[in-house]
Amino acid sequence: MEIFDIYDEHMNPIGTATRSDVHKYGYWHQTFHCWLVRTEGHRRMLRFQRRHSSKDTYPSLFDITVAGHLAAGETIADAVREIEEELGIAPHFEDLVKLGEYREESTAEANGIPFIDRELSHVFGWQCDVPLGSLKMQPEEVTGVYEADLEEMIALFRGGLAEITAAGIEPDRGGQPFPVTRRVRVSDFVPRELSYYTGMFEALRSLG
């Protein structure tokens, strides 16, 4: 059972609660986001993942390269574990660059049950040139990792492009990664304010 630290609207700690109660009652809690980029000549490639089809929220949609909740008692530095868990690579927390914080309130349904999500997300970027084929995707969480030109991603979320092409890897029936190409639209991503995506992508321009 997952237990999270919970907070009031001013992010003052008020105790702990189970994951289900956090989303049932809409308690504020903290999450970790990390966007990975790779340099290719004069281009910067942005990496993102596809959520597993069995996820209770936003199944099969594209999402942040790595993201997760902070468990009770964890610090932001502890949350770097999410990268190793989901992709099989383990940076030092000092390798990451803070891009900002993002407060989000939303309501939706998970498996037919309404939930309230109130998160303070700590958002980081990481320059990571590990080849896509070397990543070890967490089977129950990630069903693909992709990369696309950062400038094209910015244009996509600003409305200048209707879709772009991303190259990636997905597991075959034996769990081994194989290369794929996907057409990507804004509607294929987890719904958030567009300013979140454009703001974080623009911040990644100056990473490293």
N, C-alpha and C. Protein backbone atom coordinates (compact mmCIF):
# COMPACT_ATOMS: atom_id res chain seq x y z
N MET A 1 0.84 -1.19 0.00
CA MET A 1 0.00 0.00 0.00
C MET A 1 0.88 1.25 0.00
N GLU A 2 0.64 2.15 -0.96
CA GLU A 2 1.44 3.37 -1.05
C GLU A 2 0.91 4.42 -0.06
N ILE A 3 1.83 5.03 0.68
CA ILE A 3 1.50 6.09 1.62
C ILE A 3 2.22 7.36 1.20
N PHE A 4 1.49 8.48 1.14
CA PHE A 4 2.06 9.76 0.74
C PHE A 4 1.98 10.75 1.89
N ASP A 5 2.94 11.66 1.97
CA ASP A 5 2.80 12.84 2.82
C ASP A 5 1.75 13.74 2.18
N ILE A 6 0.90 14.36 3.00
CA ILE A 6 -0.15 15.23 2.47
C ILE A 6 -0.02 16.62 3.07
N TYR A 7 -0.59 17.61 2.37
CA TYR A 7 -0.38 19.01 2.69
C TYR A 7 -1.68 19.79 2.51
N ASP A 8 -1.72 20.99 3.17
CA ASP A 8 -2.83 21.89 2.89
C ASP A 8 -2.51 22.69 1.63
N GLU A 9 -3.38 23.62 1.25
CA GLU A 9 -3.19 24.35 0.00
C GLU A 9 -1.96 25.25 0.00
N HIS A 10 -1.41 25.50 1.18
CA HIS A 10 -0.19 26.30 1.28
C HIS A 10 1.04 25.41 1.40
N MET A 11 0.85 24.10 1.20
CA MET A 11 1.91 23.09 1.28
C MET A 11 2.51 22.97 2.68
N ASN A 12 1.68 23.22 3.68
CA ASN A 12 2.06 22.91 5.06
C ASN A 12 1.70 21.45 5.32
N PRO A 13 2.62 20.64 5.88
CA PRO A 13 2.32 19.22 6.10
C PRO A 13 1.18 19.03 7.10
N ILE A 14 0.28 18.10 6.78
CA ILE A 14 -0.86 17.82 7.66
C ILE A 14 -0.97 16.34 8.00
N GLY A 15 -0.01 15.52 7.55
CA GLY A 15 -0.04 14.10 7.91
C GLY A 15 0.28 13.21 6.73
N THR A 16 -0.24 12.01 6.75
CA THR A 16 -0.04 11.05 5.67
C THR A 16 -1.38 10.41 5.31
N ALA A 17 -1.44 9.83 4.12
CA ALA A 17 -2.65 9.14 3.69
C ALA A 17 -2.29 8.13 2.62
N THR A 18 -3.16 7.13 2.44
CA THR A 18 -2.94 6.16 1.38
C THR A 18 -3.15 6.83 0.02
N ARG A 19 -2.60 6.23 -0.99
CA ARG A 19 -2.76 6.77 -2.35
C ARG A 19 -4.25 6.93 -2.70
N SER A 20 -5.05 5.92 -2.35
CA SER A 20 -6.47 5.99 -2.70
C SER A 20 -7.17 7.12 -1.97
N ASP A 21 -6.84 7.34 -0.71
CA ASP A 21 -7.46 8.43 0.03
C ASP A 21 -6.97 9.80 -0.45
N VAL A 22 -5.71 9.87 -0.84
CA VAL A 22 -5.17 11.13 -1.38
C VAL A 22 -6.01 11.58 -2.58
N HIS A 23 -6.35 10.63 -3.43
CA HIS A 23 -7.12 10.99 -4.62
C HIS A 23 -8.63 11.01 -4.37
N LYS A 24 -9.06 10.33 -3.34
CA LYS A 24 -10.49 10.37 -3.00
C LYS A 24 -10.87 11.73 -2.40
N TYR A 25 -10.01 12.22 -1.50
CA TYR A 25 -10.32 13.47 -0.79
C TYR A 25 -9.59 14.69 -1.35
N GLY A 26 -8.74 14.48 -2.32
CA GLY A 26 -8.07 15.60 -2.97
C GLY A 26 -7.01 16.28 -2.13
N TYR A 27 -6.25 15.49 -1.38
CA TYR A 27 -5.16 16.07 -0.60
C TYR A 27 -4.01 16.50 -1.52
N TRP A 28 -3.39 17.62 -1.17
CA TRP A 28 -2.18 18.03 -1.88
C TRP A 28 -1.05 17.06 -1.55
N HIS A 29 -0.25 16.72 -2.56
CA HIS A 29 0.90 15.84 -2.38
C HIS A 29 1.97 16.23 -3.40
N GLN A 30 3.13 15.60 -3.32
CA GLN A 30 4.24 15.99 -4.17
C GLN A 30 4.60 14.90 -5.18
N THR A 31 5.03 15.36 -6.37
CA THR A 31 5.47 14.43 -7.40
C THR A 31 6.79 14.91 -8.00
N PHE A 32 7.44 14.00 -8.70
CA PHE A 32 8.73 14.23 -9.34
C PHE A 32 8.56 14.05 -10.84
N HIS A 33 8.98 15.04 -11.63
CA HIS A 33 8.98 14.94 -13.09
C HIS A 33 10.42 15.10 -13.58
N CYS A 34 10.82 14.32 -14.56
CA CYS A 34 12.13 14.52 -15.18
C CYS A 34 12.02 14.30 -16.69
N TRP A 35 12.37 15.34 -17.44
CA TRP A 35 12.41 15.28 -18.90
C TRP A 35 13.85 15.01 -19.34
N LEU A 36 14.05 13.99 -20.14
CA LEU A 36 15.38 13.65 -20.64
C LEU A 36 15.57 14.22 -22.04
N VAL A 37 16.75 14.76 -22.30
CA VAL A 37 17.10 15.24 -23.63
C VAL A 37 18.43 14.64 -24.05
N ARG A 38 18.62 14.59 -25.37
CA ARG A 38 19.86 14.07 -25.95
C ARG A 38 20.31 15.06 -27.02
N THR A 39 21.62 15.27 -27.10
CA THR A 39 22.17 16.18 -28.10
C THR A 39 22.60 15.38 -29.34
N GLU A 40 22.19 15.87 -30.49
CA GLU A 40 22.55 15.24 -31.77
C GLU A 40 23.01 16.34 -32.71
N GLY A 41 24.34 16.57 -32.75
CA GLY A 41 24.86 17.68 -33.55
C GLY A 41 24.38 19.00 -32.98
N HIS A 42 23.67 19.77 -33.82
CA HIS A 42 23.11 21.05 -33.38
C HIS A 42 21.66 20.91 -32.89
N ARG A 43 21.17 19.68 -32.87
CA ARG A 43 19.78 19.46 -32.46
C ARG A 43 19.73 18.93 -31.04
N ARG A 44 18.63 19.22 -30.38
CA ARG A 44 18.37 18.64 -29.07
C ARG A 44 17.11 17.79 -29.19
N MET A 45 17.23 16.53 -28.80
CA MET A 45 16.12 15.59 -28.93
C MET A 45 15.47 15.40 -27.57
N LEU A 46 14.15 15.52 -27.53
CA LEU A 46 13.39 15.37 -26.29
C LEU A 46 12.81 13.96 -26.21
N ARG A 47 12.96 13.34 -25.05
CA ARG A 47 12.46 11.99 -24.87
C ARG A 47 11.18 11.99 -24.02
N PHE A 48 10.28 11.09 -24.34
CA PHE A 48 9.03 10.95 -23.59
C PHE A 48 8.60 9.50 -23.63
N GLN A 49 7.69 9.13 -22.75
CA GLN A 49 7.26 7.73 -22.65
C GLN A 49 5.79 7.58 -22.99
N ARG A 50 5.40 6.32 -23.23
CA ARG A 50 3.97 5.98 -23.34
C ARG A 50 3.58 5.20 -22.10
N ARG A 51 2.52 5.66 -21.46
CA ARG A 51 2.03 4.98 -20.26
C ARG A 51 1.45 3.61 -20.61
N HIS A 52 1.58 2.69 -19.69
CA HIS A 52 1.08 1.34 -19.91
C HIS A 52 -0.44 1.36 -20.07
N SER A 53 -0.94 0.44 -20.86
CA SER A 53 -2.39 0.38 -21.12
C SER A 53 -3.18 -0.02 -19.88
N SER A 54 -2.52 -0.58 -18.86
CA SER A 54 -3.22 -0.99 -17.65
C SER A 54 -3.24 0.10 -16.57
N LYS A 55 -2.62 1.25 -16.84
CA LYS A 55 -2.60 2.32 -15.84
C LYS A 55 -4.02 2.77 -15.53
N ASP A 56 -4.29 3.11 -14.26
CA ASP A 56 -5.65 3.50 -13.90
C ASP A 56 -5.99 4.91 -14.36
N THR A 57 -4.97 5.72 -14.65
CA THR A 57 -5.22 7.06 -15.19
C THR A 57 -4.45 7.24 -16.49
N TYR A 58 -5.11 7.80 -17.47
CA TYR A 58 -4.53 8.14 -18.77
C TYR A 58 -3.76 6.99 -19.41
N PRO A 59 -4.34 5.80 -19.49
CA PRO A 59 -3.63 4.66 -20.09
C PRO A 59 -3.28 4.93 -21.55
N SER A 60 -2.10 4.47 -21.94
CA SER A 60 -1.61 4.49 -23.33
C SER A 60 -1.31 5.88 -23.88
N LEU A 61 -1.41 6.91 -23.06
CA LEU A 61 -1.06 8.25 -23.55
C LEU A 61 0.42 8.52 -23.37
N PHE A 62 0.96 9.42 -24.20
CA PHE A 62 2.33 9.86 -24.04
C PHE A 62 2.43 10.75 -22.80
N ASP A 63 3.63 10.72 -22.17
CA ASP A 63 3.78 11.44 -20.91
C ASP A 63 5.24 11.85 -20.72
N ILE A 64 5.48 12.51 -19.60
CA ILE A 64 6.81 12.92 -19.18
C ILE A 64 7.75 11.71 -19.25
N THR A 65 9.03 11.95 -19.55
CA THR A 65 9.97 10.83 -19.67
C THR A 65 9.91 9.94 -18.45
N VAL A 66 9.99 10.55 -17.26
CA VAL A 66 9.88 9.80 -16.01
C VAL A 66 9.11 10.67 -15.01
N ALA A 67 8.18 10.06 -14.29
CA ALA A 67 7.43 10.80 -13.27
C ALA A 67 6.94 9.83 -12.22
N GLY A 68 6.76 10.35 -11.01
CA GLY A 68 6.24 9.50 -9.94
C GLY A 68 5.94 10.29 -8.70
N HIS A 69 5.21 9.68 -7.79
CA HIS A 69 4.86 10.30 -6.52
C HIS A 69 5.99 10.14 -5.51
N LEU A 70 6.10 11.10 -4.62
CA LEU A 70 6.99 10.96 -3.49
C LEU A 70 6.28 10.16 -2.41
N ALA A 71 6.90 9.09 -1.96
CA ALA A 71 6.35 8.32 -0.85
C ALA A 71 6.56 9.08 0.45
N ALA A 72 5.80 8.70 1.47
CA ALA A 72 5.91 9.36 2.78
C ALA A 72 7.36 9.32 3.25
N GLY A 73 7.86 10.48 3.67
CA GLY A 73 9.22 10.57 4.18
C GLY A 73 10.29 10.80 3.13
N GLU A 74 9.95 10.68 1.86
CA GLU A 74 10.94 10.87 0.81
C GLU A 74 11.20 12.35 0.56
N THR A 75 12.43 12.65 0.16
CA THR A 75 12.79 13.99 -0.31
C THR A 75 12.78 13.99 -1.83
N ILE A 76 12.90 15.18 -2.41
CA ILE A 76 12.98 15.27 -3.87
C ILE A 76 14.20 14.52 -4.38
N ALA A 77 15.30 14.61 -3.66
CA ALA A 77 16.51 13.89 -4.08
C ALA A 77 16.28 12.38 -4.09
N ASP A 78 15.49 11.87 -3.15
CA ASP A 78 15.19 10.44 -3.11
C ASP A 78 14.41 9.99 -4.35
N ALA A 79 13.61 10.91 -4.89
CA ALA A 79 12.71 10.55 -5.99
C ALA A 79 13.44 10.25 -7.28
N VAL A 80 14.75 10.54 -7.35
CA VAL A 80 15.51 10.21 -8.55
C VAL A 80 15.48 8.70 -8.81
N ARG A 81 15.11 7.91 -7.80
CA ARG A 81 14.98 6.46 -7.96
C ARG A 81 14.01 6.11 -9.09
N GLU A 82 13.05 7.01 -9.35
CA GLU A 82 12.06 6.74 -10.39
C GLU A 82 12.71 6.51 -11.75
N ILE A 83 13.82 7.20 -12.01
CA ILE A 83 14.47 7.07 -13.31
C ILE A 83 15.02 5.66 -13.49
N GLU A 84 15.67 5.15 -12.44
CA GLU A 84 16.21 3.79 -12.52
C GLU A 84 15.09 2.76 -12.59
N GLU A 85 14.02 2.98 -11.83
CA GLU A 85 12.92 2.02 -11.83
C GLU A 85 12.25 1.94 -13.20
N GLU A 86 12.03 3.08 -13.85
CA GLU A 86 11.27 3.09 -15.10
C GLU A 86 12.13 2.86 -16.33
N LEU A 87 13.42 3.30 -16.30
CA LEU A 87 14.25 3.23 -17.50
C LEU A 87 15.55 2.44 -17.32
N GLY A 88 15.87 2.04 -16.08
CA GLY A 88 17.05 1.23 -15.86
C GLY A 88 18.37 1.97 -15.89
N ILE A 89 18.34 3.30 -15.77
CA ILE A 89 19.56 4.09 -15.70
C ILE A 89 19.51 4.94 -14.44
N ALA A 90 20.67 5.17 -13.82
CA ALA A 90 20.68 5.76 -12.48
C ALA A 90 21.60 6.98 -12.40
N PRO A 91 21.06 8.16 -12.67
CA PRO A 91 21.87 9.37 -12.51
C PRO A 91 22.02 9.75 -11.04
N HIS A 92 22.99 10.59 -10.74
CA HIS A 92 23.05 11.23 -9.44
C HIS A 92 22.07 12.40 -9.45
N PHE A 93 21.48 12.68 -8.32
CA PHE A 93 20.54 13.80 -8.26
C PHE A 93 21.20 15.09 -8.73
N GLU A 94 22.50 15.24 -8.45
CA GLU A 94 23.23 16.45 -8.85
C GLU A 94 23.35 16.59 -10.36
N ASP A 95 23.09 15.51 -11.11
CA ASP A 95 23.13 15.58 -12.57
C ASP A 95 21.90 16.29 -13.15
N LEU A 96 20.85 16.37 -12.36
CA LEU A 96 19.60 16.95 -12.84
C LEU A 96 19.59 18.46 -12.67
N VAL A 97 18.83 19.12 -13.53
CA VAL A 97 18.69 20.58 -13.48
C VAL A 97 17.24 20.92 -13.20
N LYS A 98 17.00 21.71 -12.16
CA LYS A 98 15.62 22.08 -11.82
C LYS A 98 15.06 23.04 -12.87
N LEU A 99 13.93 22.67 -13.43
CA LEU A 99 13.26 23.51 -14.43
C LEU A 99 12.16 24.37 -13.82
N GLY A 100 11.61 23.92 -12.71
CA GLY A 100 10.55 24.70 -12.07
C GLY A 100 9.64 23.81 -11.26
N GLU A 101 8.57 24.41 -10.78
CA GLU A 101 7.53 23.69 -10.04
C GLU A 101 6.19 23.96 -10.72
N TYR A 102 5.30 23.01 -10.58
CA TYR A 102 4.02 23.09 -11.27
C TYR A 102 2.92 22.59 -10.34
N ARG A 103 1.96 23.45 -10.06
CA ARG A 103 0.80 23.07 -9.25
C ARG A 103 -0.36 22.73 -10.18
N GLU A 104 -0.96 21.59 -9.91
CA GLU A 104 -2.02 21.11 -10.79
C GLU A 104 -3.19 20.58 -9.97
N GLU A 105 -4.39 20.99 -10.34
CA GLU A 105 -5.61 20.47 -9.76
C GLU A 105 -6.49 19.94 -10.89
N SER A 106 -6.93 18.71 -10.77
CA SER A 106 -7.77 18.14 -11.82
C SER A 106 -8.71 17.10 -11.22
N THR A 107 -9.78 16.82 -11.94
CA THR A 107 -10.71 15.76 -11.56
C THR A 107 -10.92 14.86 -12.77
N ALA A 108 -11.03 13.58 -12.52
CA ALA A 108 -11.23 12.61 -13.60
C ALA A 108 -11.78 11.33 -12.98
N GLU A 109 -11.70 10.24 -13.74
CA GLU A 109 -12.11 8.94 -13.24
C GLU A 109 -11.00 7.94 -13.45
N ALA A 110 -10.86 7.01 -12.51
CA ALA A 110 -9.92 5.91 -12.64
C ALA A 110 -10.70 4.62 -12.43
N ASN A 111 -10.77 3.81 -13.47
CA ASN A 111 -11.56 2.57 -13.41
C ASN A 111 -13.00 2.84 -12.98
N GLY A 112 -13.54 3.95 -13.48
CA GLY A 112 -14.93 4.30 -13.20
C GLY A 112 -15.16 5.00 -11.87
N ILE A 113 -14.09 5.21 -11.10
CA ILE A 113 -14.21 5.85 -9.79
C ILE A 113 -13.69 7.29 -9.88
N PRO A 114 -14.50 8.28 -9.51
CA PRO A 114 -14.03 9.67 -9.58
C PRO A 114 -12.84 9.89 -8.64
N PHE A 115 -11.91 10.75 -9.07
CA PHE A 115 -10.81 11.10 -8.18
C PHE A 115 -10.46 12.58 -8.36
N ILE A 116 -9.85 13.13 -7.32
CA ILE A 116 -9.40 14.52 -7.31
C ILE A 116 -7.88 14.49 -7.16
N ASP A 117 -7.19 15.14 -8.08
CA ASP A 117 -5.73 15.11 -8.05
C ASP A 117 -5.21 16.52 -7.81
N ARG A 118 -4.51 16.72 -6.69
CA ARG A 118 -3.88 18.00 -6.39
C ARG A 118 -2.41 17.75 -6.12
N GLU A 119 -1.56 18.18 -7.06
CA GLU A 119 -0.15 17.86 -7.00
C GLU A 119 0.72 19.11 -7.06
N LEU A 120 1.81 19.09 -6.31
CA LEU A 120 2.91 20.01 -6.53
C LEU A 120 4.02 19.19 -7.15
N SER A 121 4.33 19.47 -8.42
CA SER A 121 5.33 18.70 -9.13
C SER A 121 6.65 19.47 -9.20
N HIS A 122 7.72 18.78 -8.87
CA HIS A 122 9.07 19.33 -8.97
C HIS A 122 9.64 18.81 -10.30
N VAL A 123 9.92 19.74 -11.20
CA VAL A 123 10.24 19.36 -12.58
C VAL A 123 11.73 19.57 -12.85
N PHE A 124 12.37 18.53 -13.41
CA PHE A 124 13.79 18.55 -13.69
C PHE A 124 14.05 18.18 -15.14
N GLY A 125 15.24 18.54 -15.61
CA GLY A 125 15.73 18.09 -16.90
C GLY A 125 17.05 17.37 -16.72
N TRP A 126 17.33 16.43 -17.62
CA TRP A 126 18.59 15.69 -17.55
C TRP A 126 19.10 15.45 -18.95
N GLN A 127 20.33 15.90 -19.21
CA GLN A 127 21.01 15.61 -20.46
C GLN A 127 21.51 14.17 -20.40
N CYS A 128 20.91 13.31 -21.20
CA CYS A 128 21.20 11.87 -21.15
C CYS A 128 21.38 11.35 -22.57
N ASP A 129 22.60 10.94 -22.89
CA ASP A 129 22.90 10.47 -24.24
C ASP A 129 22.93 8.95 -24.34
N VAL A 130 22.39 8.27 -23.34
CA VAL A 130 22.29 6.80 -23.39
C VAL A 130 21.38 6.42 -24.56
N PRO A 131 21.81 5.52 -25.45
CA PRO A 131 20.96 5.13 -26.59
C PRO A 131 19.61 4.58 -26.14
N LEU A 132 18.58 4.85 -26.92
CA LEU A 132 17.25 4.35 -26.56
C LEU A 132 17.26 2.83 -26.37
N GLY A 133 17.99 2.13 -27.22
CA GLY A 133 18.00 0.68 -27.15
C GLY A 133 18.63 0.11 -25.90
N SER A 134 19.35 0.96 -25.15
CA SER A 134 19.99 0.50 -23.92
C SER A 134 19.09 0.68 -22.70
N LEU A 135 17.96 1.34 -22.88
CA LEU A 135 17.05 1.55 -21.75
C LEU A 135 16.32 0.24 -21.41
N LYS A 136 16.06 0.07 -20.13
CA LYS A 136 15.33 -1.12 -19.66
C LYS A 136 13.99 -0.65 -19.09
N MET A 137 12.97 -0.71 -19.91
CA MET A 137 11.66 -0.19 -19.55
C MET A 137 11.00 -1.06 -18.48
N GLN A 138 10.40 -0.41 -17.50
CA GLN A 138 9.68 -1.12 -16.44
C GLN A 138 8.39 -1.67 -17.05
N PRO A 139 8.23 -3.00 -17.16
CA PRO A 139 7.13 -3.57 -17.95
C PRO A 139 5.74 -3.11 -17.54
N GLU A 140 5.50 -2.97 -16.23
CA GLU A 140 4.15 -2.62 -15.77
C GLU A 140 3.85 -1.13 -15.83
N GLU A 141 4.85 -0.33 -16.19
CA GLU A 141 4.67 1.13 -16.21
C GLU A 141 4.80 1.73 -17.60
N VAL A 142 5.77 1.27 -18.37
CA VAL A 142 6.17 1.94 -19.61
C VAL A 142 6.04 0.98 -20.78
N THR A 143 5.37 1.42 -21.85
CA THR A 143 5.25 0.57 -23.04
C THR A 143 5.93 1.19 -24.26
N GLY A 144 6.75 2.19 -24.03
CA GLY A 144 7.51 2.77 -25.13
C GLY A 144 8.23 4.02 -24.67
N VAL A 145 9.41 4.27 -25.24
CA VAL A 145 10.14 5.51 -25.03
C VAL A 145 10.51 6.05 -26.40
N TYR A 146 10.32 7.35 -26.59
CA TYR A 146 10.45 7.97 -27.90
C TYR A 146 11.26 9.26 -27.78
N GLU A 147 11.73 9.75 -28.92
CA GLU A 147 12.37 11.05 -28.93
C GLU A 147 12.01 11.79 -30.21
N ALA A 148 11.91 13.12 -30.06
CA ALA A 148 11.60 13.98 -31.19
C ALA A 148 12.38 15.27 -31.02
N ASP A 149 12.57 15.97 -32.12
CA ASP A 149 13.29 17.23 -32.09
C ASP A 149 12.60 18.20 -31.14
N LEU A 150 13.38 18.78 -30.23
CA LEU A 150 12.81 19.67 -29.21
C LEU A 150 12.09 20.86 -29.84
N GLU A 151 12.68 21.45 -30.89
CA GLU A 151 12.03 22.61 -31.51
C GLU A 151 10.71 22.21 -32.17
N GLU A 152 10.65 21.01 -32.72
CA GLU A 152 9.38 20.54 -33.29
C GLU A 152 8.35 20.31 -32.20
N MET A 153 8.79 19.82 -31.07
CA MET A 153 7.86 19.61 -29.94
C MET A 153 7.31 20.95 -29.46
N ILE A 154 8.15 21.96 -29.39
CA ILE A 154 7.67 23.29 -28.98
C ILE A 154 6.66 23.80 -29.98
N ALA A 155 6.96 23.67 -31.27
CA ALA A 155 6.02 24.12 -32.31
C ALA A 155 4.71 23.35 -32.24
N LEU A 156 4.78 22.05 -31.94
CA LEU A 156 3.58 21.22 -31.83
C LEU A 156 2.67 21.75 -30.74
N PHE A 157 3.23 22.01 -29.56
CA PHE A 157 2.41 22.44 -28.43
C PHE A 157 2.03 23.92 -28.50
N ARG A 158 2.69 24.68 -29.34
CA ARG A 158 2.29 26.06 -29.58
C ARG A 158 1.21 26.15 -30.66
N GLY A 159 0.96 25.05 -31.35
CA GLY A 159 -0.06 25.03 -32.40
C GLY A 159 0.47 25.30 -33.78
N GLY A 160 1.79 25.38 -33.94
CA GLY A 160 2.37 25.64 -35.25
C GLY A 160 2.45 24.41 -36.13
N LEU A 161 2.41 23.22 -35.53
CA LEU A 161 2.41 21.96 -36.25
C LEU A 161 1.25 21.12 -35.75
N ALA A 162 0.62 20.38 -36.67
CA ALA A 162 -0.49 19.51 -36.28
C ALA A 162 0.01 18.19 -35.72
N GLU A 163 1.13 17.71 -36.24
CA GLU A 163 1.72 16.47 -35.77
C GLU A 163 3.19 16.43 -36.15
N ILE A 164 3.93 15.59 -35.47
CA ILE A 164 5.34 15.40 -35.78
C ILE A 164 5.65 13.91 -35.75
N THR A 165 6.87 13.55 -36.16
CA THR A 165 7.30 12.16 -36.15
C THR A 165 8.30 11.95 -35.02
N ALA A 166 8.12 10.87 -34.27
CA ALA A 166 9.04 10.51 -33.19
C ALA A 166 9.55 9.10 -33.43
N ALA A 167 10.84 8.91 -33.19
CA ALA A 167 11.44 7.57 -33.24
C ALA A 167 11.50 7.03 -31.83
N GLY A 168 11.34 5.71 -31.69
CA GLY A 168 11.35 5.17 -30.34
C GLY A 168 11.60 3.69 -30.28
N ILE A 169 11.42 3.17 -29.08
CA ILE A 169 11.51 1.72 -28.86
C ILE A 169 10.26 1.27 -28.11
N GLU A 170 9.82 0.06 -28.43
CA GLU A 170 8.72 -0.58 -27.72
C GLU A 170 9.10 -2.04 -27.50
N PRO A 171 8.60 -2.66 -26.43
CA PRO A 171 8.97 -4.06 -26.18
C PRO A 171 8.23 -5.02 -27.12
N ASP A 172 8.96 -6.03 -27.58
CA ASP A 172 8.30 -7.08 -28.35
C ASP A 172 7.67 -8.09 -27.40
N ARG A 173 7.15 -9.18 -27.91
CA ARG A 173 6.47 -10.15 -27.05
C ARG A 173 7.40 -10.76 -26.02
N GLY A 174 8.67 -10.76 -26.32
CA GLY A 174 9.63 -11.29 -25.36
C GLY A 174 10.19 -10.24 -24.43
N GLY A 175 9.68 -9.02 -24.56
CA GLY A 175 10.13 -7.94 -23.69
C GLY A 175 11.37 -7.22 -24.17
N GLN A 176 11.86 -7.58 -25.37
CA GLN A 176 13.05 -6.94 -25.90
C GLN A 176 12.67 -5.70 -26.72
N PRO A 177 13.45 -4.63 -26.61
CA PRO A 177 13.08 -3.40 -27.34
C PRO A 177 13.30 -3.54 -28.85
N PHE A 178 12.36 -3.00 -29.62
CA PHE A 178 12.55 -2.94 -31.06
C PHE A 178 12.19 -1.53 -31.53
N PRO A 179 12.82 -1.06 -32.60
CA PRO A 179 12.62 0.33 -33.04
C PRO A 179 11.27 0.54 -33.71
N VAL A 180 10.68 1.70 -33.47
CA VAL A 180 9.40 2.08 -34.07
C VAL A 180 9.44 3.55 -34.45
N THR A 181 8.51 3.94 -35.29
CA THR A 181 8.29 5.35 -35.62
C THR A 181 6.82 5.65 -35.39
N ARG A 182 6.52 6.74 -34.69
CA ARG A 182 5.14 7.10 -34.38
C ARG A 182 4.86 8.53 -34.79
N ARG A 183 3.64 8.75 -35.30
CA ARG A 183 3.16 10.11 -35.51
C ARG A 183 2.56 10.58 -34.20
N VAL A 184 2.86 11.80 -33.81
CA VAL A 184 2.51 12.31 -32.49
C VAL A 184 1.71 13.60 -32.60
N ARG A 185 0.59 13.68 -31.87
CA ARG A 185 -0.23 14.88 -31.79
C ARG A 185 -0.35 15.31 -30.32
N VAL A 186 -0.72 16.54 -30.11
CA VAL A 186 -0.91 17.04 -28.74
C VAL A 186 -1.94 16.19 -28.00
N SER A 187 -2.98 15.79 -28.70
CA SER A 187 -4.06 15.01 -28.08
C SER A 187 -3.60 13.63 -27.62
N ASP A 188 -2.40 13.20 -28.05
CA ASP A 188 -1.87 11.90 -27.64
C ASP A 188 -1.19 11.96 -26.27
N PHE A 189 -1.02 13.18 -25.72
CA PHE A 189 -0.33 13.35 -24.44
C PHE A 189 -1.33 13.48 -23.28
N VAL A 190 -0.85 13.14 -22.10
CA VAL A 190 -1.65 13.35 -20.89
C VAL A 190 -2.10 14.81 -20.86
N PRO A 191 -3.40 15.07 -20.68
CA PRO A 191 -3.88 16.46 -20.70
C PRO A 191 -3.38 17.27 -19.52
N ARG A 192 -2.67 18.35 -19.82
CA ARG A 192 -2.23 19.34 -18.85
C ARG A 192 -2.36 20.70 -19.52
N GLU A 193 -2.20 21.75 -18.75
CA GLU A 193 -2.17 23.07 -19.36
C GLU A 193 -1.04 23.11 -20.39
N LEU A 194 -1.33 23.67 -21.56
CA LEU A 194 -0.30 23.73 -22.60
C LEU A 194 0.91 24.52 -22.12
N SER A 195 0.70 25.47 -21.22
CA SER A 195 1.80 26.27 -20.71
C SER A 195 2.81 25.43 -19.94
N TYR A 196 2.36 24.32 -19.35
CA TYR A 196 3.30 23.42 -18.69
C TYR A 196 4.28 22.87 -19.72
N TYR A 197 3.73 22.30 -20.79
CA TYR A 197 4.59 21.68 -21.80
C TYR A 197 5.50 22.72 -22.46
N THR A 198 4.94 23.81 -22.93
CA THR A 198 5.77 24.79 -23.64
C THR A 198 6.80 25.41 -22.71
N GLY A 199 6.41 25.70 -21.47
CA GLY A 199 7.35 26.31 -20.53
C GLY A 199 8.52 25.39 -20.21
N MET A 200 8.24 24.11 -19.97
CA MET A 200 9.31 23.18 -19.63
C MET A 200 10.17 22.89 -20.85
N PHE A 201 9.56 22.77 -22.03
CA PHE A 201 10.34 22.51 -23.23
C PHE A 201 11.27 23.68 -23.54
N GLU A 202 10.77 24.89 -23.38
CA GLU A 202 11.63 26.06 -23.63
C GLU A 202 12.78 26.13 -22.63
N ALA A 203 12.53 25.74 -21.39
CA ALA A 203 13.59 25.72 -20.39
C ALA A 203 14.66 24.69 -20.75
N LEU A 204 14.26 23.61 -21.43
CA LEU A 204 15.22 22.58 -21.80
C LEU A 204 16.18 23.03 -22.89
N ARG A 205 15.83 24.10 -23.59
CA ARG A 205 16.74 24.61 -24.64
C ARG A 205 18.11 24.95 -24.08
N SER A 206 18.14 25.46 -22.86
CA SER A 206 19.41 25.93 -22.28
C SER A 206 20.00 24.94 -21.30
N LEU A 207 19.50 23.70 -21.31
CA LEU A 207 20.01 22.70 -20.38
C LEU A 207 21.45 22.32 -20.74
N GLY A 208 22.29 22.17 -19.73
CA GLY A 208 23.64 21.70 -19.93
C GLY A 208 24.60 22.82 -20.34
